[in-house]
Structures are given as C-alpha cells and as structure tokens.
Protein backbone atom coordinates (compact mmCIF):
# COMPACT_ATOMS: atom_id res chain seq x y z
CA MET A 1 -3.70 18.85 -4.51
CA GLU A 2 -6.25 19.90 -7.13
CA ASN A 3 -4.22 22.94 -8.20
CA TYR A 4 -1.02 20.91 -8.51
CA ILE A 5 -2.72 18.25 -10.70
CA LYS A 6 -4.07 21.04 -12.94
CA LYS A 7 -0.63 22.54 -13.38
CA THR A 8 1.22 19.26 -14.14
CA HIS A 9 0.76 16.16 -16.25
CA ALA A 10 1.24 12.70 -14.81
CA ASP A 11 -0.45 9.38 -15.40
CA ILE A 12 -0.88 8.71 -11.64
CA TYR A 13 -0.63 10.83 -8.54
CA VAL A 14 0.01 9.23 -5.21
CA PHE A 15 -0.56 10.73 -1.76
CA GLY A 16 0.05 9.36 1.72
CA GLU A 17 -1.80 7.36 4.31
CA TYR A 18 -4.63 9.26 6.00
CA PHE A 19 -4.38 11.90 3.24
CA LEU A 20 -8.02 12.93 3.68
CA SER A 21 -8.06 12.98 7.53
CA GLY A 22 -4.66 13.28 9.03
CA ASP A 23 -3.12 10.64 11.25
CA ARG A 24 -3.72 11.50 14.92
CA CYS A 25 -7.51 11.65 14.80
CA LYS A 26 -8.26 8.71 17.11
CA ASP A 27 -11.97 8.69 17.99
CA GLU A 28 -12.62 11.22 15.25
CA PHE A 29 -11.79 8.67 12.55
CA ARG A 30 -15.28 7.33 12.94
CA ASP A 31 -16.82 10.77 12.22
CA LEU A 32 -14.37 11.50 9.33
CA ALA A 33 -14.80 8.09 7.63
CA GLU A 34 -16.66 8.04 4.29
CA PRO A 35 -17.97 5.32 2.00
CA LEU A 36 -16.70 5.00 -1.47
CA ASP A 37 -19.55 7.20 -2.79
CA GLY A 38 -18.87 9.87 -0.15
CA PRO A 39 -18.43 13.60 -0.97
CA SER A 40 -14.60 13.63 -0.86
CA ILE A 41 -14.34 10.80 -3.29
CA GLN A 42 -16.99 12.31 -5.59
CA HIS A 43 -14.87 15.46 -5.72
CA LEU A 44 -11.66 13.54 -6.44
CA LYS A 45 -13.44 11.52 -9.19
CA LYS A 46 -14.15 14.81 -10.95
CA ILE A 47 -10.46 15.78 -10.69
CA ALA A 48 -9.40 12.39 -12.07
CA LYS A 49 -11.81 12.60 -14.95
CA THR A 50 -10.98 16.15 -15.87
CA ASN A 51 -7.23 15.52 -15.85
CA HIS A 52 -7.32 11.98 -17.25
CA CYS A 53 -5.24 10.57 -14.44
CA TYR A 54 -5.22 8.01 -11.65
CA ILE A 55 -5.19 9.17 -8.04
CA VAL A 56 -4.12 7.10 -4.98
CA PHE A 57 -4.56 8.29 -1.42
CA GLY A 58 -5.35 7.16 2.13
CA MET A 59 -8.55 7.72 4.08
CA PRO A 60 -10.72 6.27 6.87
CA PHE A 61 -13.25 4.15 4.97
CA LYS A 62 -16.75 3.48 6.14
CA ASP A 63 -18.15 0.09 5.42
CA SER A 64 -21.23 0.43 3.16
CA ILE A 65 -22.87 -2.73 4.42
CA VAL A 66 -22.13 -3.06 8.13
CA ASP A 67 -22.79 0.08 10.15
CA GLY A 68 -19.97 0.98 12.58
CA LEU A 69 -17.08 -0.76 10.72
CA VAL A 70 -14.27 1.65 9.76
CA TYR A 71 -11.17 0.63 7.80
CA ASN A 72 -7.79 2.29 7.11
CA ALA A 73 -8.01 2.28 3.32
CA ALA A 74 -5.94 3.05 0.23
CA VAL A 75 -8.18 4.30 -2.57
CA LEU A 76 -7.46 4.14 -6.28
CA ILE A 77 -9.58 6.39 -8.48
CA HIS A 78 -9.45 5.77 -12.21
CA PRO A 79 -9.80 8.38 -15.02
CA ASN A 80 -13.19 6.91 -15.97
CA GLY A 81 -14.53 7.37 -12.42
CA THR A 82 -14.14 3.79 -11.22
CA VAL A 83 -13.16 3.69 -7.53
CA ASP A 84 -11.20 0.76 -6.03
CA ALA A 85 -10.07 0.33 -2.46
CA TYR A 86 -7.68 -1.80 -0.45
CA LYS A 87 -8.32 -2.22 3.30
CA LYS A 88 -5.19 -2.41 5.42
CA TRP A 89 -4.42 -5.91 6.65
CA PHE A 90 -2.02 -5.32 9.48
CA LEU A 91 -2.91 -2.67 12.14
CA PRO A 92 -0.04 -1.74 14.43
CA THR A 93 -1.01 -1.34 18.08
CA SER A 94 2.12 -0.68 20.02
CA GLY A 95 4.16 2.37 21.01
CA PRO A 96 2.50 5.37 19.46
CA PHE A 97 0.21 3.27 17.19
CA GLU A 98 -3.33 2.43 18.19
CA GLU A 99 -4.95 1.32 14.98
CA LYS A 100 -6.72 -1.78 16.26
CA ILE A 101 -8.67 0.41 18.61
CA PHE A 102 -10.18 2.43 15.76
CA PHE A 103 -10.14 0.23 12.67
CA ASP A 104 -11.22 -3.24 11.56
CA GLN A 105 -8.65 -5.21 9.55
CA GLY A 106 -8.93 -5.98 5.81
CA GLU A 107 -9.25 -9.49 4.44
CA ASP A 108 -8.81 -9.06 0.67
CA LEU A 109 -5.67 -8.64 -1.44
CA PRO A 110 -6.95 -7.19 -4.68
CA VAL A 111 -4.82 -6.32 -7.74
CA PHE A 112 -6.26 -3.56 -9.83
CA SER A 113 -5.94 -3.48 -13.67
CA THR A 114 -5.17 -0.08 -15.15
CA SER A 115 -3.92 1.29 -18.42
CA LEU A 116 -0.58 1.71 -16.64
CA GLY A 117 -0.25 -1.98 -15.68
CA LYS A 118 -1.55 -3.98 -12.70
CA ILE A 119 -1.29 -2.24 -9.38
CA GLY A 120 -1.24 -3.67 -5.87
CA LEU A 121 -1.68 -1.46 -2.89
CA LEU A 122 -0.21 -1.68 0.60
CA ILE A 123 -0.38 0.59 3.65
CA CYS A 124 2.58 1.38 5.90
CA TYR A 125 2.94 -1.53 8.42
CA ASP A 126 1.85 -4.03 5.79
CA LEU A 127 5.30 -3.65 4.26
CA ASN A 128 6.77 -5.57 7.21
CA PHE A 129 4.97 -8.78 6.08
CA PRO A 130 6.55 -10.09 2.86
CA GLU A 131 3.73 -12.47 2.26
CA LEU A 132 1.46 -9.61 1.20
CA ALA A 133 3.83 -8.26 -1.41
CA LYS A 134 4.41 -11.81 -2.72
CA ALA A 135 0.65 -12.48 -2.93
CA LEU A 136 0.05 -9.34 -4.92
CA THR A 137 2.95 -10.02 -7.24
CA LEU A 138 1.78 -13.62 -7.89
CA GLN A 139 -1.57 -12.16 -8.86
CA GLY A 140 0.20 -10.20 -11.60
CA ALA A 141 1.00 -6.83 -9.96
CA ASP A 142 3.56 -4.89 -11.93
CA ILE A 143 3.76 -2.02 -9.42
CA LEU A 144 3.30 -2.14 -5.66
CA ILE A 145 2.27 1.21 -4.22
CA CYS A 146 2.73 1.55 -0.47
CA ILE A 147 1.24 4.68 1.20
CA SER A 148 2.48 5.43 4.68
CA ALA A 149 2.39 7.57 7.82
CA SER A 150 5.79 6.46 9.11
CA PRO A 151 7.43 8.50 11.91
CA THR A 152 11.17 8.99 12.24
CA THR A 153 11.40 6.10 14.74
CA THR A 154 10.62 3.59 12.00
CA GLN A 155 12.49 5.23 9.07
CA LYS A 156 15.44 2.72 9.14
CA TYR A 157 13.09 -0.24 8.95
CA PHE A 158 11.23 1.11 5.89
CA GLU A 159 14.41 2.03 4.03
CA THR A 160 15.55 -1.54 4.55
CA LEU A 161 12.30 -3.15 3.59
CA LEU A 162 11.51 -1.16 0.42
CA PRO A 163 14.38 -2.38 -1.82
CA ALA A 164 13.96 -5.86 -0.33
CA ARG A 165 10.35 -6.09 -1.40
CA ALA A 166 11.17 -4.90 -4.92
CA LEU A 167 14.06 -7.37 -5.31
CA GLU A 168 12.47 -10.40 -3.75
CA ASN A 169 9.41 -9.99 -6.07
CA THR A 170 11.12 -8.40 -9.08
CA VAL A 171 8.42 -5.72 -9.11
CA PHE A 172 8.40 -1.87 -9.04
CA VAL A 173 7.78 -0.47 -5.59
CA ALA A 174 6.62 3.11 -5.03
CA TYR A 175 6.49 4.40 -1.46
CA VAL A 176 4.75 7.65 -0.44
CA ASN A 177 5.11 8.83 3.15
CA LEU A 178 3.79 11.76 5.13
CA ALA A 179 6.15 14.57 6.02
CA GLY A 180 6.25 17.14 8.90
CA ASN A 181 4.61 16.56 12.21
CA GLN A 182 1.22 15.92 13.69
CA GLU A 183 0.88 16.29 17.51
CA ASP A 184 3.65 14.17 19.05
CA LEU A 185 4.87 12.39 15.87
CA VAL A 186 7.42 13.60 13.25
CA TYR A 187 7.08 11.93 9.83
CA TRP A 188 10.32 11.55 7.90
CA GLY A 189 9.00 12.00 4.37
CA GLY A 190 11.51 10.41 2.01
CA SER A 191 9.06 9.01 -0.55
CA GLN A 192 10.90 6.85 -3.04
CA VAL A 193 10.60 4.46 -5.95
CA TYR A 194 12.57 1.22 -6.70
CA ASP A 195 12.98 -0.82 -9.89
CA PRO A 196 12.47 -4.59 -9.99
CA LEU A 197 16.08 -5.23 -9.02
CA GLY A 198 15.89 -3.08 -5.98
CA ASN A 199 17.64 -0.08 -7.40
CA LEU A 200 16.59 3.34 -6.14
CA LEU A 201 15.11 5.48 -8.96
CA VAL A 202 14.13 8.61 -7.06
CA LYS A 203 13.85 9.79 -3.45
CA ALA A 204 12.16 12.82 -1.85
CA PRO A 205 13.96 14.91 0.81
CA TYR A 206 13.58 13.95 4.48
CA LEU A 207 11.34 15.76 6.90
CA LYS A 208 9.63 18.21 4.54
CA GLU A 209 6.76 18.15 2.08
CA SER A 210 7.89 17.78 -1.51
CA ILE A 211 6.88 16.48 -4.89
CA ILE A 212 8.82 13.93 -6.87
CA THR A 213 8.19 12.44 -10.30
CA CYS A 214 9.42 9.14 -11.76
CA ASP A 215 9.07 7.37 -15.10
CA VAL A 216 8.33 3.61 -14.73
CA ASN A 217 9.22 1.40 -17.68
CA LEU A 218 7.32 -1.92 -17.35
CA LYS A 219 9.50 -3.41 -20.10
CA LEU A 220 12.18 -3.77 -17.40
CA LEU A 221 10.09 -6.43 -15.62
CA GLU A 222 10.83 -9.26 -18.07
CA PRO A 223 14.65 -8.95 -18.07
CA ALA A 224 14.62 -8.44 -14.31
CA ARG A 225 12.68 -11.67 -13.80
CA ALA A 226 15.03 -13.51 -16.21
CA ARG A 227 18.03 -12.28 -14.24
CA ARG A 228 16.50 -12.97 -10.81
CA PRO A 229 13.93 -15.76 -11.36
CA VAL A 230 12.56 -15.66 -7.84
CA LEU A 231 8.96 -15.96 -9.01
CA ARG A 232 9.82 -19.00 -10.96
CA ASP A 233 11.64 -20.66 -8.17
CA ILE A 234 9.04 -20.04 -5.43
CA ARG A 235 8.07 -23.12 -3.39
CA PRO A 236 4.32 -22.60 -2.61
CA GLU A 237 4.25 -25.48 -0.13
CA ILE A 238 6.13 -23.33 2.41
CA TYR A 239 3.05 -21.13 2.72
CA GLN A 240 0.96 -24.10 3.68
CA ASP A 241 3.49 -24.84 6.45
CA LEU A 242 3.53 -21.24 7.58
CA TYR A 243 -0.24 -21.41 8.10
CA ALA A 244 0.16 -24.55 10.14
CA PHE A 245 3.09 -23.05 12.12
CA SER A 246 1.14 -19.94 13.04
CA ARG A 247 0.29 -19.55 16.67
CA HIS A 248 -3.29 -18.84 15.59
CA HIS A 249 -3.74 -22.37 14.39
CA THR A 250 -1.38 -25.03 15.81
CA LYS A 251 2.02 -25.18 17.35
CA GLN A 252 2.66 -28.66 16.01
CA LYS A 253 5.13 -29.13 13.20
CA PRO A 254 3.28 -29.90 9.97
CA THR A 255 3.26 -33.50 8.84
CA GLU A 256 1.99 -35.14 5.69
CA ASP A 257 -1.22 -35.79 7.48
CA ASN A 258 -1.84 -32.33 8.84
CA LYS A 259 -0.52 -30.14 6.07
CA LEU A 260 -3.16 -27.99 4.49
CA LYS A 261 -4.14 -29.23 1.10
CA PRO A 262 -4.78 -26.75 -1.77
CA THR A 263 -8.38 -26.51 -2.88
C-alpha cells in the first residue's frame, strides 16, 4: 500500500474491510485489535501526511476506555494526522459470518468533514439497512464509502443495493471489497463507484486484486437532487413508526398516543 501511494497521486485511497488483519481471524481479532493511537495507525498517519492524502481502511478496533471491547471499524486518516473511526452497526451472525461473537456493535453515525466534501462510512452488511445511508445523507454526507469483505455468495445482493443506495439518497457511493480467498471464503472483488442518480462510474474486475481510480464531481449533487428530490420529499414521521413497529420495542401499531415524539 505504501509503495503504491508513493507512486500515484490521489486525494483519497480506500481499502477494504479488515484491511489490517484479514477476515477469518476469529479469536485472534482480540489480539490484533489496536486503539486509534496504535502502531499501525501511527504508521499510516505518516503516509497520509507525507503524501497529502486521505486513507480509509478497515481494522479491528480496541476500545480505549473499556477494556475488552473490540469493534469492526472503518478508519479515516486525514492528511493533517486527524484520525476518525466508524464502528460497524450491523454484525452478521449467520452462515459463514460470526461477527457478534467477536465484536461489539457501534452506536454512532458520524459524518466526517474533509476538504473533499463530507464523508459517511459504512461497513459491508450495513448496506442492507437503508436507514443508515439515509441518516448519513441527512447529516450532509456527499459521499458514502462502504468497505466490505463480501464473499461470492452475497455478490448479487450488493450489486443490487449499491445503485439503490446512491439513487434513493442522491449521493455518491463508493464500494471497496476484498478480492481472492481466505480459508473457506472467496471474495468477489468488484469494487465500484456510483453517481447520485445510481449510474455506475467505474468497476473493478471480479475475483482478483486490482486498483481503480475515479473522479468525483460534487457539483453533480445539486442537479441530481433537483431531478430526484427524494431528500426534500422524505416523511420523517415514518421513522418514528418504524421504531414503534420494531420487535425490540412493541408489536402494537403506533397510535397518536404511543407514537414517539421528537425531542
């Protein structure tokens, strides 16, 4: 990675989920996890500063306050050395996925201000939940970056969801997936970028490691949102109802008396 960044010039470099550790580490995630001031991030901060670029990547993240808590995180390093992190909300635990065994779930949905625009981060399975992408966009995100470790068994789902998330939020979506295989899983690669109307801008080959570049013009956001005014037409009260409908809270249909009131 370091050699590639030295040889090229880009404003932001994005690498996949579990970039620092690999995917199939299981109990070793706890040993491989680092805090935001850990040695790997310190090294990557130097690379970002030297090359005046942003770097996004995935890693097991060790909570700096509560001993023993580990998160699946997407980290954003700024050229000035600032380090931001998003902790994965949705942890798949079915089929070959066992994330809830090893990770705690995130609770924050930050949007990060950069010289390139405002960036929201997602990790793999998060993409299945449109509320997350909507929440990031409503906080002002211009670009949603989703890093992933998606095997071939889920490829068709992601290639359906990616343009949908771009179009339903009129936002740029960049997706970076692992490629190749680790133990019993084969990752389909296929990293890709969509414009705010869901049009594919660039796509990497399937099943092999590759590097793709893409120019993103944020001036396309305004005309896209005029053409598809989905952010203007959103009905926020539906999210209050969704909370009440959730099996985690009540199975009763919301009424005027039990609807959640905004604070």
